[in-house]
């Protein structure tokens, strides 16, 4: 199974009682997934930064707002 994932590029689902509980993937697939996630994080950061209007609240203001 590990060889099929590593060398064949297969994605192998592992089930327990008919339910998918894990997936075995190649290191290349893991690296690609992590790069994709990082790109999404960077894009979300850039969007949040662009939409930031500069308004800030103090910790006391935040706490007061949570109590309401």
N, C-alpha and C. Protein backbone atom coordinates (compact mmCIF):
# COMPACT_ATOMS: atom_id res chain seq x y z
N UNK A 1 0.83 -1.18 0.00
CA UNK A 1 0.00 0.00 0.00
C UNK A 1 0.88 1.26 0.00
N UNK A 2 1.91 1.28 0.83
CA UNK A 2 2.79 2.45 0.88
C UNK A 2 3.51 2.66 -0.44
N UNK A 3 3.96 1.57 -1.05
CA UNK A 3 4.63 1.66 -2.34
C UNK A 3 3.72 2.21 -3.42
N UNK A 4 2.46 1.77 -3.39
CA UNK A 4 1.49 2.27 -4.38
C UNK A 4 1.28 3.77 -4.22
N UNK A 5 1.25 4.24 -2.98
CA UNK A 5 1.08 5.67 -2.74
C UNK A 5 2.34 6.43 -3.12
N UNK A 6 3.49 5.91 -2.68
CA UNK A 6 4.74 6.62 -2.88
C UNK A 6 5.19 6.63 -4.34
N UNK A 7 5.16 5.47 -4.96
CA UNK A 7 5.70 5.36 -6.32
C UNK A 7 4.64 5.47 -7.40
N UNK A 8 3.43 5.04 -7.09
CA UNK A 8 2.36 5.06 -8.08
C UNK A 8 1.49 6.30 -8.01
N UNK A 9 1.69 7.09 -6.97
CA UNK A 9 0.90 8.30 -6.83
C UNK A 9 -0.55 8.04 -6.47
N UNK A 10 -0.86 6.83 -6.02
CA UNK A 10 -2.24 6.52 -5.65
C UNK A 10 -2.60 7.20 -4.33
N UNK A 11 -3.85 7.52 -4.19
CA UNK A 11 -4.39 8.02 -2.93
C UNK A 11 -5.28 6.91 -2.38
N UNK A 12 -4.88 6.39 -1.26
CA UNK A 12 -5.53 5.19 -0.74
C UNK A 12 -6.30 5.53 0.53
N UNK A 13 -7.61 5.30 0.49
CA UNK A 13 -8.46 5.55 1.65
C UNK A 13 -8.43 4.36 2.59
N UNK A 14 -8.38 4.66 3.87
CA UNK A 14 -8.43 3.63 4.91
C UNK A 14 -9.76 3.79 5.64
N UNK A 15 -10.50 2.70 5.75
CA UNK A 15 -11.81 2.77 6.37
C UNK A 15 -11.87 1.94 7.64
N UNK A 16 -12.80 2.33 8.50
CA UNK A 16 -13.13 1.54 9.69
C UNK A 16 -14.65 1.48 9.76
N UNK A 17 -15.15 0.28 9.78
CA UNK A 17 -16.60 0.08 9.78
C UNK A 17 -17.28 0.81 8.63
N UNK A 18 -16.63 0.79 7.48
CA UNK A 18 -17.18 1.40 6.28
C UNK A 18 -17.06 2.92 6.20
N UNK A 19 -16.42 3.52 7.19
CA UNK A 19 -16.27 4.98 7.20
C UNK A 19 -14.81 5.35 6.93
N UNK A 20 -14.59 6.31 6.05
CA UNK A 20 -13.24 6.78 5.74
C UNK A 20 -12.65 7.46 6.96
N UNK A 21 -11.49 6.97 7.42
CA UNK A 21 -10.86 7.51 8.63
C UNK A 21 -9.47 8.09 8.37
N UNK A 22 -8.86 7.74 7.25
CA UNK A 22 -7.52 8.23 6.93
C UNK A 22 -7.26 8.04 5.44
N UNK A 23 -6.25 8.76 4.95
CA UNK A 23 -5.86 8.63 3.56
C UNK A 23 -4.34 8.58 3.50
N UNK A 24 -3.81 7.65 2.73
CA UNK A 24 -2.37 7.54 2.52
C UNK A 24 -2.07 8.20 1.17
N UNK A 25 -1.18 9.21 1.21
CA UNK A 25 -0.81 9.91 -0.02
C UNK A 25 0.72 9.95 -0.12
N UNK A 26 1.19 10.28 -1.29
CA UNK A 26 2.64 10.36 -1.50
C UNK A 26 3.19 11.64 -0.88
N UNK A 27 4.48 11.66 -0.60
CA UNK A 27 5.10 12.90 -0.12
C UNK A 27 4.93 14.05 -1.11
N UNK A 28 4.95 13.76 -2.40
CA UNK A 28 4.74 14.81 -3.40
C UNK A 28 3.35 15.41 -3.29
N UNK A 29 2.34 14.55 -3.09
CA UNK A 29 0.97 15.05 -2.92
C UNK A 29 0.85 15.89 -1.65
N UNK A 30 1.50 15.46 -0.58
CA UNK A 30 1.47 16.22 0.67
C UNK A 30 2.11 17.60 0.47
N UNK A 31 3.23 17.64 -0.21
CA UNK A 31 3.91 18.90 -0.46
C UNK A 31 3.04 19.83 -1.30
N UNK A 32 2.40 19.27 -2.33
CA UNK A 32 1.51 20.08 -3.18
C UNK A 32 0.33 20.61 -2.37
N UNK A 33 -0.23 19.79 -1.50
CA UNK A 33 -1.34 20.21 -0.65
C UNK A 33 -0.91 21.33 0.29
N UNK A 34 0.26 21.19 0.89
CA UNK A 34 0.75 22.22 1.80
C UNK A 34 1.03 23.53 1.06
N UNK A 35 1.56 23.46 -0.15
CA UNK A 35 1.80 24.66 -0.96
C UNK A 35 0.47 25.34 -1.30
N UNK A 36 -0.54 24.53 -1.64
CA UNK A 36 -1.86 25.06 -1.95
C UNK A 36 -2.46 25.76 -0.73
N UNK A 37 -2.36 25.13 0.43
CA UNK A 37 -2.88 25.73 1.66
C UNK A 37 -2.15 27.04 1.97
N UNK A 38 -0.85 27.06 1.80
CA UNK A 38 -0.08 28.28 2.06
C UNK A 38 -0.52 29.40 1.11
N UNK A 39 -0.72 29.07 -0.16
CA UNK A 39 -1.17 30.07 -1.13
C UNK A 39 -2.53 30.63 -0.74
N UNK A 40 -3.42 29.77 -0.25
CA UNK A 40 -4.73 30.25 0.20
C UNK A 40 -4.59 31.17 1.41
N UNK A 41 -3.72 30.79 2.34
CA UNK A 41 -3.50 31.63 3.53
C UNK A 41 -2.95 33.00 3.14
N UNK A 42 -2.00 33.03 2.23
CA UNK A 42 -1.41 34.29 1.78
C UNK A 42 -2.47 35.15 1.09
N UNK A 43 -3.29 34.52 0.25
CA UNK A 43 -4.35 35.27 -0.43
C UNK A 43 -5.35 35.84 0.57
N UNK A 44 -5.72 35.05 1.57
CA UNK A 44 -6.66 35.53 2.59
C UNK A 44 -6.05 36.68 3.39
N UNK A 45 -4.77 36.58 3.72
CA UNK A 45 -4.08 37.65 4.43
C UNK A 45 -4.07 38.93 3.60
N UNK A 46 -3.74 38.80 2.34
CA UNK A 46 -3.69 39.98 1.48
C UNK A 46 -5.06 40.63 1.34
N UNK A 47 -6.10 39.81 1.23
CA UNK A 47 -7.45 40.36 1.13
C UNK A 47 -7.83 41.07 2.43
N UNK A 48 -7.54 40.46 3.56
CA UNK A 48 -7.86 41.09 4.85
C UNK A 48 -7.09 42.39 5.01
N UNK A 49 -5.85 42.39 4.60
CA UNK A 49 -5.02 43.60 4.69
C UNK A 49 -5.60 44.71 3.81
N UNK A 50 -6.05 44.35 2.61
CA UNK A 50 -6.61 45.33 1.69
C UNK A 50 -7.93 45.90 2.21
N UNK A 51 -8.69 45.08 2.93
CA UNK A 51 -9.99 45.51 3.44
C UNK A 51 -9.89 46.19 4.81
N UNK A 52 -8.73 46.22 5.41
CA UNK A 52 -8.53 46.81 6.74
C UNK A 52 -8.75 48.32 6.66
N UNK A 53 -9.70 48.80 7.46
CA UNK A 53 -9.98 50.23 7.44
C UNK A 53 -9.23 50.99 8.53
N UNK A 54 -8.39 50.29 9.28
CA UNK A 54 -7.58 50.93 10.30
C UNK A 54 -8.25 51.09 11.65
N UNK A 55 -9.53 50.74 11.72
CA UNK A 55 -10.25 50.85 12.99
C UNK A 55 -9.74 49.82 13.98
N UNK A 56 -9.49 50.26 15.19
CA UNK A 56 -9.00 49.36 16.23
C UNK A 56 -9.83 49.56 17.49
N UNK A 57 -9.90 48.54 18.32
CA UNK A 57 -10.56 48.63 19.62
C UNK A 57 -9.58 48.17 20.68
N UNK A 58 -9.74 48.71 21.87
CA UNK A 58 -8.88 48.29 22.98
C UNK A 58 -9.38 46.96 23.53
N UNK A 59 -8.57 46.32 24.33
CA UNK A 59 -8.97 45.07 24.95
C UNK A 59 -10.19 45.29 25.84
N UNK A 60 -10.23 46.39 26.54
CA UNK A 60 -11.37 46.70 27.41
C UNK A 60 -12.65 46.86 26.59
N UNK A 61 -12.55 47.53 25.44
CA UNK A 61 -13.72 47.69 24.56
C UNK A 61 -14.20 46.35 24.03
N UNK A 62 -13.25 45.50 23.68
CA UNK A 62 -13.60 44.17 23.19
C UNK A 62 -14.32 43.38 24.26
N UNK A 63 -13.78 43.37 25.47
CA UNK A 63 -14.40 42.65 26.57
C UNK A 63 -15.79 43.18 26.87
N UNK A 64 -15.95 44.51 26.85
CA UNK A 64 -17.27 45.11 27.12
C UNK A 64 -18.27 44.68 26.05
N UNK A 65 -17.84 44.63 24.82
CA UNK A 65 -18.71 44.19 23.74
C UNK A 65 -19.12 42.74 23.85
N UNK A 66 -18.25 41.92 24.41
CA UNK A 66 -18.57 40.50 24.57
C UNK A 66 -19.57 40.26 25.68
N UNK A 67 -19.62 41.14 26.65
CA UNK A 67 -20.54 40.99 27.78
C UNK A 67 -21.97 41.33 27.41
N UNK A 68 -22.16 42.10 26.36
CA UNK A 68 -23.50 42.54 25.98
C UNK A 68 -24.35 41.43 25.46
